[in-house]
């Protein structure tokens, strides 16, 4: 299964599977302390580690969808990622996003998140999509609510207690 390696396009973004040419941008994103402090994940340590993560990313082949790189149309550069991920341990499909700080506050995460949710409902025929955010991550909470998601308690995931948001088709 090749999966949906090409995602939706928005006014300002092209959502597509990342490749090893994107390793430098992926490393810059996932090693930035400002970006990583509210993710609950450890930062990447090298471009080689970023390249390996991209090469070994299984989701498009195993479940048919995944997190896409967000390419800014104006510069043709990867500025973050957004997309859907199957959370096996919770039996849920999650929308997630992460952008470089210089692109925060411009509505890009909301644009990408809304397009990913629409893709999940219209193309993948999903019935429910969730979003997880650490309680201190006000910006992510704002994006999820702007995209029509409603808070529905908390969930333990990956060693953290996260707020659970959901939207139904």
N, C-alpha and C. Protein backbone atom coordinates (compact mmCIF):
# COMPACT_ATOMS: atom_id res chain seq x y z
N UNK A 1 0.86 -1.18 0.00
CA UNK A 1 0.00 0.00 0.00
C UNK A 1 0.90 1.24 0.00
N UNK A 2 0.77 2.06 -1.03
CA UNK A 2 1.59 3.27 -1.12
C UNK A 2 1.01 4.39 -0.26
N UNK A 3 -0.28 4.34 -0.04
CA UNK A 3 -0.89 5.34 0.81
C UNK A 3 -1.01 6.70 0.16
N UNK A 4 -1.52 7.62 0.91
CA UNK A 4 -1.75 8.99 0.46
C UNK A 4 -0.53 9.84 0.77
N UNK A 5 0.50 9.68 -0.06
CA UNK A 5 1.75 10.42 0.16
C UNK A 5 1.61 11.89 -0.21
N UNK A 6 0.64 12.20 -1.06
CA UNK A 6 0.33 13.58 -1.40
C UNK A 6 -0.96 13.93 -0.67
N UNK A 7 -0.90 14.97 0.12
CA UNK A 7 -2.06 15.37 0.90
C UNK A 7 -2.77 16.54 0.25
N UNK A 8 -3.57 17.22 1.03
CA UNK A 8 -4.31 18.36 0.49
C UNK A 8 -3.40 19.55 0.24
N UNK A 9 -3.89 20.46 -0.58
CA UNK A 9 -3.21 21.72 -0.82
C UNK A 9 -4.11 22.80 -0.26
N UNK A 10 -3.52 23.81 0.36
CA UNK A 10 -4.29 24.94 0.88
C UNK A 10 -3.85 26.19 0.11
N UNK A 11 -4.37 27.33 0.49
CA UNK A 11 -3.98 28.58 -0.18
C UNK A 11 -2.47 28.80 -0.13
N UNK A 12 -1.85 28.45 1.02
CA UNK A 12 -0.43 28.77 1.20
C UNK A 12 0.48 27.55 1.32
N UNK A 13 -0.10 26.35 1.42
CA UNK A 13 0.71 25.16 1.73
C UNK A 13 0.43 24.00 0.77
N UNK A 14 1.47 23.21 0.55
CA UNK A 14 1.35 21.91 -0.09
C UNK A 14 1.70 20.89 0.98
N UNK A 15 0.80 19.94 1.24
CA UNK A 15 1.06 18.90 2.23
C UNK A 15 1.46 17.63 1.48
N UNK A 16 2.65 17.14 1.78
CA UNK A 16 3.19 15.97 1.08
C UNK A 16 4.11 15.18 1.99
N UNK A 17 4.27 13.92 1.68
CA UNK A 17 5.20 13.08 2.44
C UNK A 17 6.60 13.67 2.32
N UNK A 18 7.34 13.65 3.40
CA UNK A 18 8.71 14.14 3.37
C UNK A 18 9.62 13.07 2.79
N UNK A 19 10.73 13.53 2.20
CA UNK A 19 11.75 12.62 1.70
C UNK A 19 13.09 13.05 2.29
N UNK A 20 14.13 12.31 1.99
CA UNK A 20 15.42 12.59 2.63
C UNK A 20 15.98 13.97 2.25
N UNK A 21 15.52 14.56 1.15
CA UNK A 21 15.93 15.93 0.82
C UNK A 21 15.42 16.93 1.86
N UNK A 22 14.42 16.53 2.62
CA UNK A 22 13.82 17.40 3.64
C UNK A 22 14.48 17.23 5.02
N UNK A 23 15.52 16.41 5.09
CA UNK A 23 16.12 16.07 6.39
C UNK A 23 16.62 17.31 7.15
N UNK A 24 17.20 18.26 6.45
CA UNK A 24 17.73 19.45 7.12
C UNK A 24 16.59 20.26 7.76
N UNK A 25 15.49 20.44 7.03
CA UNK A 25 14.33 21.17 7.57
C UNK A 25 13.69 20.39 8.72
N UNK A 26 13.61 19.06 8.56
CA UNK A 26 13.02 18.22 9.60
C UNK A 26 13.86 18.28 10.87
N UNK A 27 15.18 18.30 10.70
CA UNK A 27 16.07 18.42 11.85
C UNK A 27 15.92 19.79 12.51
N UNK A 28 15.88 20.86 11.72
CA UNK A 28 15.73 22.21 12.28
C UNK A 28 14.45 22.30 13.11
N UNK A 29 13.37 21.70 12.62
CA UNK A 29 12.09 21.72 13.34
C UNK A 29 12.17 20.91 14.63
N UNK A 30 12.64 19.68 14.52
CA UNK A 30 12.58 18.73 15.63
C UNK A 30 13.79 18.76 16.56
N UNK A 31 14.64 19.78 16.39
CA UNK A 31 15.74 20.01 17.34
C UNK A 31 15.59 21.38 17.99
N UNK A 32 14.59 22.14 17.56
CA UNK A 32 14.38 23.50 18.08
C UNK A 32 13.76 23.40 19.48
N UNK A 33 14.46 23.91 20.51
CA UNK A 33 13.94 23.78 21.88
C UNK A 33 12.58 24.44 22.08
N UNK A 34 12.34 25.56 21.38
CA UNK A 34 11.06 26.25 21.50
C UNK A 34 9.92 25.39 20.95
N UNK A 35 10.19 24.69 19.86
CA UNK A 35 9.19 23.80 19.24
C UNK A 35 8.97 22.57 20.12
N UNK A 36 10.05 21.99 20.59
CA UNK A 36 9.98 20.69 21.24
C UNK A 36 9.51 20.73 22.70
N UNK A 37 9.55 21.89 23.34
CA UNK A 37 9.27 21.95 24.78
C UNK A 37 7.83 21.55 25.13
N UNK A 38 6.90 21.67 24.20
CA UNK A 38 5.52 21.29 24.50
C UNK A 38 5.04 20.07 23.71
N UNK A 39 6.00 19.26 23.25
CA UNK A 39 5.62 18.06 22.49
C UNK A 39 5.70 16.79 23.34
N UNK A 40 6.49 16.82 24.40
CA UNK A 40 6.70 15.60 25.18
C UNK A 40 7.67 14.64 24.53
N UNK A 41 8.32 15.05 23.45
CA UNK A 41 9.28 14.19 22.74
C UNK A 41 10.69 14.74 22.89
N UNK A 42 11.69 13.86 22.84
CA UNK A 42 13.08 14.35 22.88
C UNK A 42 13.45 14.98 21.53
N UNK A 43 14.29 16.00 21.53
CA UNK A 43 14.72 16.61 20.26
C UNK A 43 15.64 15.68 19.47
N UNK A 44 15.63 15.84 18.16
CA UNK A 44 16.58 15.11 17.32
C UNK A 44 17.98 15.66 17.58
N UNK A 45 19.00 14.80 17.41
CA UNK A 45 20.36 15.19 17.73
C UNK A 45 21.23 15.49 16.51
N UNK A 46 20.77 15.07 15.31
CA UNK A 46 21.59 15.29 14.11
C UNK A 46 20.74 15.21 12.85
N UNK A 47 21.30 15.73 11.77
CA UNK A 47 20.63 15.61 10.47
C UNK A 47 20.53 14.14 10.07
N UNK A 48 21.54 13.36 10.42
CA UNK A 48 21.51 11.92 10.11
C UNK A 48 20.34 11.24 10.82
N UNK A 49 20.10 11.63 12.08
CA UNK A 49 18.97 11.09 12.82
C UNK A 49 17.65 11.50 12.15
N UNK A 50 17.59 12.73 11.67
CA UNK A 50 16.40 13.21 10.96
C UNK A 50 16.19 12.41 9.67
N UNK A 51 17.26 12.20 8.92
CA UNK A 51 17.18 11.44 7.67
C UNK A 51 16.70 10.01 7.94
N UNK A 52 17.24 9.40 8.99
CA UNK A 52 16.83 8.03 9.34
C UNK A 52 15.35 7.99 9.74
N UNK A 53 14.89 9.01 10.47
CA UNK A 53 13.49 9.06 10.88
C UNK A 53 12.57 9.15 9.65
N UNK A 54 12.96 9.96 8.68
CA UNK A 54 12.17 10.10 7.45
C UNK A 54 12.17 8.78 6.67
N UNK A 55 13.35 8.17 6.53
CA UNK A 55 13.47 6.92 5.77
C UNK A 55 12.69 5.78 6.40
N UNK A 56 12.59 5.77 7.72
CA UNK A 56 11.94 4.65 8.40
C UNK A 56 10.50 4.94 8.79
N UNK A 57 9.95 6.09 8.37
CA UNK A 57 8.58 6.45 8.72
C UNK A 57 7.62 5.50 8.00
N UNK A 58 6.90 4.66 8.75
CA UNK A 58 6.14 3.57 8.12
C UNK A 58 4.69 3.88 7.74
N UNK A 59 4.12 4.96 8.25
CA UNK A 59 2.67 5.13 8.24
C UNK A 59 2.01 5.09 6.86
N UNK A 60 2.62 5.70 5.84
CA UNK A 60 1.98 5.71 4.53
C UNK A 60 1.83 4.30 3.97
N UNK A 61 2.80 3.44 4.26
CA UNK A 61 2.74 2.07 3.78
C UNK A 61 1.86 1.18 4.67
N UNK A 62 1.90 1.39 5.98
CA UNK A 62 1.19 0.47 6.88
C UNK A 62 -0.27 0.82 7.08
N UNK A 63 -0.62 2.11 7.19
CA UNK A 63 -2.03 2.47 7.40
C UNK A 63 -2.60 3.31 6.27
N UNK A 64 -1.75 3.75 5.33
CA UNK A 64 -2.24 4.46 4.16
C UNK A 64 -2.28 5.97 4.28
N UNK A 65 -1.89 6.50 5.43
CA UNK A 65 -1.84 7.96 5.62
C UNK A 65 -0.82 8.25 6.70
N UNK A 66 -0.53 9.54 6.89
CA UNK A 66 0.47 9.91 7.90
C UNK A 66 0.60 11.41 8.02
N UNK A 67 1.68 11.82 8.67
CA UNK A 67 1.98 13.24 8.83
C UNK A 67 2.73 13.70 7.57
N UNK A 68 2.22 14.77 6.97
CA UNK A 68 2.84 15.32 5.78
C UNK A 68 3.75 16.49 6.15
N UNK A 69 4.80 16.68 5.36
CA UNK A 69 5.57 17.89 5.47
C UNK A 69 4.73 19.03 4.92
N UNK A 70 4.83 20.20 5.53
CA UNK A 70 4.10 21.38 5.07
C UNK A 70 5.07 22.28 4.31
N UNK A 71 4.88 22.32 3.01
CA UNK A 71 5.75 23.11 2.14
C UNK A 71 5.07 24.45 1.87
N UNK A 72 5.75 25.52 2.22
CA UNK A 72 5.23 26.86 1.97
C UNK A 72 5.34 27.14 0.47
N UNK A 73 4.21 27.40 -0.17
CA UNK A 73 4.21 27.62 -1.63
C UNK A 73 5.13 28.78 -2.02
N UNK A 74 5.13 29.84 -1.23
CA UNK A 74 5.90 31.04 -1.57
C UNK A 74 7.41 30.77 -1.65
N UNK A 75 7.93 29.88 -0.82
CA UNK A 75 9.38 29.64 -0.78
C UNK A 75 9.77 28.23 -1.19
N UNK A 76 8.77 27.34 -1.34
CA UNK A 76 9.00 25.92 -1.63
C UNK A 76 9.83 25.23 -0.55
N UNK A 77 9.73 25.73 0.69
CA UNK A 77 10.50 25.15 1.79
C UNK A 77 9.57 24.49 2.80
N UNK A 78 10.06 23.43 3.43
CA UNK A 78 9.32 22.74 4.48
C UNK A 78 9.42 23.60 5.75
N UNK A 79 8.26 23.96 6.30
CA UNK A 79 8.24 24.82 7.49
C UNK A 79 7.62 24.11 8.69
N UNK A 80 7.22 22.85 8.50
CA UNK A 80 6.61 22.09 9.58
C UNK A 80 5.99 20.82 9.05
N UNK A 81 5.15 20.21 9.88
CA UNK A 81 4.40 19.05 9.42
C UNK A 81 3.00 19.09 9.99
N UNK A 82 2.11 18.37 9.34
CA UNK A 82 0.74 18.24 9.79
C UNK A 82 0.14 17.02 9.12
N UNK A 83 -0.78 16.38 9.79
CA UNK A 83 -1.46 15.26 9.17
C UNK A 83 -2.04 14.33 10.20
N UNK A 84 -2.48 13.19 9.71
CA UNK A 84 -3.18 12.22 10.53
C UNK A 84 -2.26 11.07 10.90
N UNK A 85 -2.48 10.53 12.08
CA UNK A 85 -1.67 9.39 12.55
C UNK A 85 -2.58 8.44 13.30
N UNK A 86 -2.46 7.17 12.98
CA UNK A 86 -3.21 6.15 13.70
C UNK A 86 -2.47 5.87 15.01
N UNK A 87 -3.18 6.10 16.14
CA UNK A 87 -2.62 5.80 17.47
C UNK A 87 -3.15 4.43 17.87
N UNK A 88 -2.38 3.40 17.55
CA UNK A 88 -2.81 2.01 17.77
C UNK A 88 -3.23 1.76 19.21
N UNK A 89 -2.42 2.23 20.17
CA UNK A 89 -2.67 1.94 21.57
C UNK A 89 -3.96 2.57 22.09
N UNK A 90 -4.45 3.61 21.40
CA UNK A 90 -5.71 4.25 21.79
C UNK A 90 -6.85 3.92 20.83
N UNK A 91 -6.53 3.26 19.72
CA UNK A 91 -7.49 2.94 18.66
C UNK A 91 -8.19 4.21 18.17
N UNK A 92 -7.39 5.25 17.91
CA UNK A 92 -7.90 6.54 17.45
C UNK A 92 -7.02 7.07 16.31
N UNK A 93 -7.57 7.98 15.52
CA UNK A 93 -6.79 8.69 14.52
C UNK A 93 -6.65 10.14 15.00
N UNK A 94 -5.40 10.58 15.09
CA UNK A 94 -5.05 11.88 15.65
C UNK A 94 -4.58 12.82 14.55
N UNK A 95 -4.97 14.08 14.65
CA UNK A 95 -4.39 15.11 13.79
C UNK A 95 -3.31 15.80 14.62
N UNK A 96 -2.14 15.93 14.03
CA UNK A 96 -1.03 16.56 14.73
C UNK A 96 -0.32 17.53 13.82
N UNK A 97 0.36 18.49 14.41
CA UNK A 97 1.04 19.52 13.63
C UNK A 97 2.19 20.08 14.45
N UNK A 98 3.14 20.62 13.73
CA UNK A 98 4.32 21.24 14.34
C UNK A 98 4.93 22.17 13.31
N UNK A 99 5.17 23.42 13.68
CA UNK A 99 5.71 24.42 12.76
C UNK A 99 6.88 25.16 13.39
N UNK A 100 7.76 25.68 12.54
CA UNK A 100 8.88 26.49 13.01
C UNK A 100 8.33 27.78 13.64
N UNK A 101 8.96 28.26 14.71
CA UNK A 101 8.45 29.44 15.43
C UNK A 101 8.24 30.67 14.56
N UNK A 102 9.07 30.86 13.54
CA UNK A 102 8.90 32.06 12.70
C UNK A 102 7.60 32.02 11.89
N UNK A 103 6.93 30.89 11.88
CA UNK A 103 5.66 30.75 11.16
C UNK A 103 4.47 30.64 12.11
N UNK A 104 4.70 30.79 13.40
CA UNK A 104 3.61 30.76 14.38
C UNK A 104 2.79 32.04 14.27
N UNK A 105 1.52 31.94 14.62
CA UNK A 105 0.67 33.12 14.69
C UNK A 105 0.20 33.65 13.35
N UNK A 106 0.38 32.88 12.28
CA UNK A 106 -0.01 33.31 10.94
C UNK A 106 -1.19 32.51 10.40
N UNK A 107 -1.73 31.60 11.22
CA UNK A 107 -2.86 30.79 10.78
C UNK A 107 -2.48 29.58 9.95
N UNK A 108 -1.19 29.31 9.78
CA UNK A 108 -0.76 28.18 8.94
C UNK A 108 -1.09 26.83 9.57
N UNK A 109 -0.92 26.71 10.89
CA UNK A 109 -1.26 25.45 11.55
C UNK A 109 -2.76 25.18 11.45
N UNK A 110 -3.56 26.22 11.62
CA UNK A 110 -5.01 26.07 11.51
C UNK A 110 -5.39 25.67 10.09
N UNK A 111 -4.77 26.30 9.10
CA UNK A 111 -5.02 25.99 7.69
C UNK A 111 -4.69 24.53 7.39
N UNK A 112 -3.51 24.08 7.83
CA UNK A 112 -3.08 22.71 7.57
C UNK A 112 -3.93 21.71 8.35
N UNK A 113 -4.26 22.03 9.59
CA UNK A 113 -5.05 21.14 10.44
C UNK A 113 -6.46 20.97 9.87
N UNK A 114 -7.09 22.07 9.47
CA UNK A 114 -8.44 22.00 8.89
C UNK A 114 -8.43 21.17 7.61
N UNK A 115 -7.40 21.35 6.78
CA UNK A 115 -7.30 20.58 5.53
C UNK A 115 -7.08 19.09 5.82
N UNK A 116 -6.30 18.79 6.85
CA UNK A 116 -6.05 17.39 7.22
C UNK A 116 -7.32 16.72 7.74
N UNK A 117 -8.09 17.45 8.54
CA UNK A 117 -9.36 16.91 9.06
C UNK A 117 -10.32 16.66 7.90
N UNK A 118 -10.44 17.63 7.00
CA UNK A 118 -11.32 17.46 5.84
C UNK A 118 -10.89 16.25 5.01
N UNK A 119 -9.58 16.08 4.81
CA UNK A 119 -9.06 14.93 4.08
C UNK A 119 -9.46 13.63 4.78
N UNK A 120 -9.34 13.61 6.10
CA UNK A 120 -9.70 12.41 6.87
C UNK A 120 -11.16 12.03 6.70
N UNK A 121 -12.03 13.02 6.67
CA UNK A 121 -13.46 12.76 6.53
C UNK A 121 -13.84 12.46 5.07
N UNK A 122 -13.35 13.28 4.15
CA UNK A 122 -13.79 13.19 2.75
C UNK A 122 -13.08 12.10 1.96
N UNK A 123 -11.78 11.90 2.18
CA UNK A 123 -11.01 10.94 1.40
C UNK A 123 -10.89 9.60 2.13
N UNK A 124 -10.59 9.66 3.42
CA UNK A 124 -10.38 8.41 4.17
C UNK A 124 -11.68 7.88 4.79
N UNK A 125 -12.73 8.69 4.74
CA UNK A 125 -14.04 8.27 5.25
C UNK A 125 -14.02 7.96 6.75
N UNK A 126 -13.20 8.68 7.50
CA UNK A 126 -13.15 8.49 8.95
C UNK A 126 -14.42 9.04 9.59
N UNK A 127 -14.79 8.49 10.73
CA UNK A 127 -15.97 8.97 11.44
C UNK A 127 -15.61 9.94 12.57
N UNK A 128 -14.38 9.79 13.11
CA UNK A 128 -13.95 10.63 14.21
C UNK A 128 -12.45 10.88 14.10
N UNK A 129 -12.03 12.10 14.41
CA UNK A 129 -10.62 12.46 14.45
C UNK A 129 -10.39 13.16 15.79
N UNK A 130 -9.29 12.82 16.44
CA UNK A 130 -8.96 13.44 17.72
C UNK A 130 -7.71 14.30 17.58
N UNK A 131 -7.50 15.13 18.57
CA UNK A 131 -6.28 15.91 18.68
C UNK A 131 -5.83 15.85 20.13
N UNK A 132 -4.55 15.67 20.35
CA UNK A 132 -4.00 15.62 21.71
C UNK A 132 -3.10 16.84 21.91
N UNK A 133 -3.21 17.44 23.08
CA UNK A 133 -2.35 18.58 23.40
C UNK A 133 -1.99 18.53 24.88
N UNK A 134 -0.73 18.83 25.17
CA UNK A 134 -0.35 18.95 26.57
C UNK A 134 -1.08 20.16 27.15
N UNK A 135 -1.48 20.09 28.43
CA UNK A 135 -2.29 21.17 29.03
C UNK A 135 -1.68 22.56 28.91
N UNK A 136 -0.35 22.68 28.88
CA UNK A 136 0.30 23.99 28.79
C UNK A 136 0.40 24.53 27.37
N UNK A 137 0.01 23.74 26.38
CA UNK A 137 0.19 24.13 24.99
C UNK A 137 -1.02 24.92 24.47
N UNK A 138 -1.13 26.16 24.93
CA UNK A 138 -2.28 27.01 24.59
C UNK A 138 -2.44 27.21 23.09
N UNK A 139 -1.33 27.35 22.36
CA UNK A 139 -1.42 27.60 20.92
C UNK A 139 -2.03 26.40 20.19
N UNK A 140 -1.61 25.19 20.55
CA UNK A 140 -2.17 23.99 19.91
C UNK A 140 -3.64 23.81 20.27
N UNK A 141 -3.98 24.10 21.51
CA UNK A 141 -5.38 24.01 21.94
C UNK A 141 -6.23 24.98 21.12
N UNK A 142 -5.70 26.17 20.88
CA UNK A 142 -6.42 27.17 20.08
C UNK A 142 -6.61 26.67 18.64
N UNK A 143 -5.58 26.06 18.05
CA UNK A 143 -5.70 25.53 16.68
C UNK A 143 -6.77 24.45 16.63
N UNK A 144 -6.73 23.52 17.57
CA UNK A 144 -7.70 22.42 17.57
C UNK A 144 -9.13 22.94 17.70
N UNK A 145 -9.36 23.92 18.57
CA UNK A 145 -10.72 24.44 18.74
C UNK A 145 -11.15 25.25 17.51
N UNK A 146 -10.23 25.99 16.89
CA UNK A 146 -10.56 26.72 15.66
C UNK A 146 -10.96 25.76 14.54
N UNK A 147 -10.45 24.54 14.60
CA UNK A 147 -10.77 23.54 13.57
C UNK A 147 -12.02 22.73 13.92
N UNK A 148 -12.77 23.20 14.91
CA UNK A 148 -14.05 22.57 15.22
C UNK A 148 -13.98 21.44 16.23
N UNK A 149 -12.84 21.23 16.84
CA UNK A 149 -12.71 20.15 17.82
C UNK A 149 -13.19 20.61 19.19
N UNK A 150 -13.76 19.68 19.92
CA UNK A 150 -14.26 19.96 21.27
C UNK A 150 -13.52 19.10 22.27
N UNK A 151 -13.25 19.68 23.42
CA UNK A 151 -12.54 18.97 24.49
C UNK A 151 -13.41 17.83 25.02
N UNK A 152 -12.79 16.67 25.20
CA UNK A 152 -13.50 15.50 25.71
C UNK A 152 -12.60 14.75 26.70
N UNK A 153 -12.21 15.44 27.76
CA UNK A 153 -11.44 14.80 28.83
C UNK A 153 -9.95 14.78 28.58
N UNK A 154 -9.30 13.83 29.25
CA UNK A 154 -7.85 13.67 29.12
C UNK A 154 -7.55 12.21 28.80
N UNK A 155 -6.33 11.99 28.34
CA UNK A 155 -5.91 10.64 27.99
C UNK A 155 -4.42 10.52 28.33
N UNK A 156 -4.02 9.34 28.72
CA UNK A 156 -2.60 9.08 28.96
C UNK A 156 -2.02 8.53 27.67
N UNK A 157 -0.99 9.22 27.15
CA UNK A 157 -0.38 8.79 25.90
C UNK A 157 1.11 9.08 25.94
N UNK A 158 1.89 8.08 25.62
CA UNK A 158 3.34 8.23 25.51
C UNK A 158 3.97 8.78 26.79
N UNK A 159 3.43 8.38 27.94
CA UNK A 159 3.97 8.79 29.22
C UNK A 159 3.53 10.16 29.69
N UNK A 160 2.56 10.76 29.00
CA UNK A 160 2.08 12.09 29.36
C UNK A 160 0.56 12.09 29.49
N UNK A 161 0.05 12.99 30.30
CA UNK A 161 -1.40 13.22 30.33
C UNK A 161 -1.69 14.35 29.37
N UNK A 162 -2.51 14.07 28.37
CA UNK A 162 -2.83 15.05 27.34
C UNK A 162 -4.32 15.36 27.36
N UNK A 163 -4.66 16.57 26.97
CA UNK A 163 -6.06 16.92 26.77
C UNK A 163 -6.50 16.26 25.46
N UNK A 164 -7.70 15.71 25.48
CA UNK A 164 -8.24 15.03 24.29
C UNK A 164 -9.32 15.91 23.67
N UNK A 165 -9.15 16.22 22.39
CA UNK A 165 -10.14 16.96 21.62
C UNK A 165 -10.63 16.02 20.53
N UNK A 166 -11.88 16.22 20.09
CA UNK A 166 -12.38 15.37 19.02
C UNK A 166 -13.37 16.12 18.15
N UNK A 167 -13.50 15.63 16.94
CA UNK A 167 -14.51 16.13 16.00
C UNK A 167 -15.08 14.92 15.28
N UNK A 168 -16.40 14.93 15.09
CA UNK A 168 -17.08 13.84 14.40
C UNK A 168 -17.50 14.31 13.02
N UNK A 169 -17.52 13.37 12.09
CA UNK A 169 -17.95 13.72 10.74
C UNK A 169 -19.41 14.10 10.75
